[in-house]
Amino acid sequence: MGLGDDIKSKAEELKGRAKEAVGAASDDSELKTEGKGDQGKAKVDQVKGDIKDVADNFKN
């Protein structure tokens, strides 16, 4: 996973955390759920990148 992808994924995770926090503070369950979804997507992207890195290292 390239540095740009790492940054993008981390930004997506932070955006999700912010949405979840705002949703919790404002009692907006839809926004809170959306934030959790954003975080989940970011985690999946991070894991996919980690797997790709391991595969690339193994190949070399």
Protein backbone atom coordinates (compact mmCIF):
# COMPACT_ATOMS: atom_id res chain seq x y z
CA MET A 1 0.00 0.00 0.00
CA GLY A 2 1.48 3.31 -1.00
CA LEU A 3 1.84 6.26 1.29
CA GLY A 4 -0.99 8.09 -0.50
CA ASP A 5 -3.31 5.14 0.04
CA ASP A 6 -2.30 4.96 3.71
CA ILE A 7 -3.10 8.64 4.18
CA LYS A 8 -6.41 8.36 2.33
CA SER A 9 -7.45 5.35 4.39
CA LYS A 10 -6.49 7.02 7.67
CA ALA A 11 -8.37 10.18 6.67
CA GLU A 12 -11.46 8.07 5.92
CA GLU A 13 -11.15 6.44 9.34
CA LEU A 14 -10.85 9.82 11.09
CA LYS A 15 -13.82 11.17 9.14
CA GLY A 16 -15.82 8.17 10.33
CA ARG A 17 -14.79 8.75 13.93
CA ALA A 18 -15.87 12.38 13.68
CA LYS A 19 -19.24 11.44 12.18
CA GLU A 20 -19.78 8.85 14.89
CA ALA A 21 -18.92 11.36 17.63
CA VAL A 22 -21.17 14.06 16.20
CA GLY A 23 -23.96 11.52 15.77
CA ALA A 24 -23.59 10.40 19.37
CA ALA A 25 -23.48 13.96 20.68
CA SER A 26 -26.52 15.02 18.68
CA ASP A 27 -28.44 11.78 19.23
CA ASP A 28 -28.43 11.16 15.45
CA SER A 29 -28.28 7.39 15.13
CA GLU A 30 -28.11 7.55 11.31
CA LEU A 31 -25.00 9.74 11.36
CA LYS A 32 -23.45 7.60 14.08
CA THR A 33 -24.04 4.46 12.01
CA GLU A 34 -22.67 6.14 8.89
CA GLY A 35 -19.52 7.02 10.83
CA LYS A 36 -19.07 3.44 11.95
CA GLY A 37 -19.49 2.34 8.33
CA ASP A 38 -16.82 4.78 7.17
CA GLN A 39 -14.47 3.41 9.82
CA GLY A 40 -15.19 -0.15 8.77
CA LYS A 41 -14.48 0.62 5.13
CA ALA A 42 -11.21 2.28 6.08
CA LYS A 43 -10.17 -0.74 8.15
CA VAL A 44 -10.95 -3.08 5.24
CA ASP A 45 -8.87 -0.88 2.92
CA GLN A 46 -6.00 -0.94 5.43
CA VAL A 47 -6.12 -4.74 5.71
CA LYS A 48 -6.22 -5.12 1.92
CA GLY A 49 -3.17 -2.88 1.68
CA ASP A 50 -1.35 -4.88 4.35
CA ILE A 51 -2.11 -8.12 2.52
CA LYS A 52 -0.85 -6.61 -0.73
CA ASP A 53 2.35 -5.48 1.00
CA VAL A 54 2.95 -8.97 2.43
CA ALA A 55 2.30 -10.54 -0.97
CA ASP A 56 4.69 -8.12 -2.66
CA ASN A 57 7.38 -8.83 -0.05
CA PHE A 58 6.87 -12.55 -0.40
CA LYS A 59 7.10 -12.29 -4.19
CA ASN A 60 10.42 -10.46 -3.94
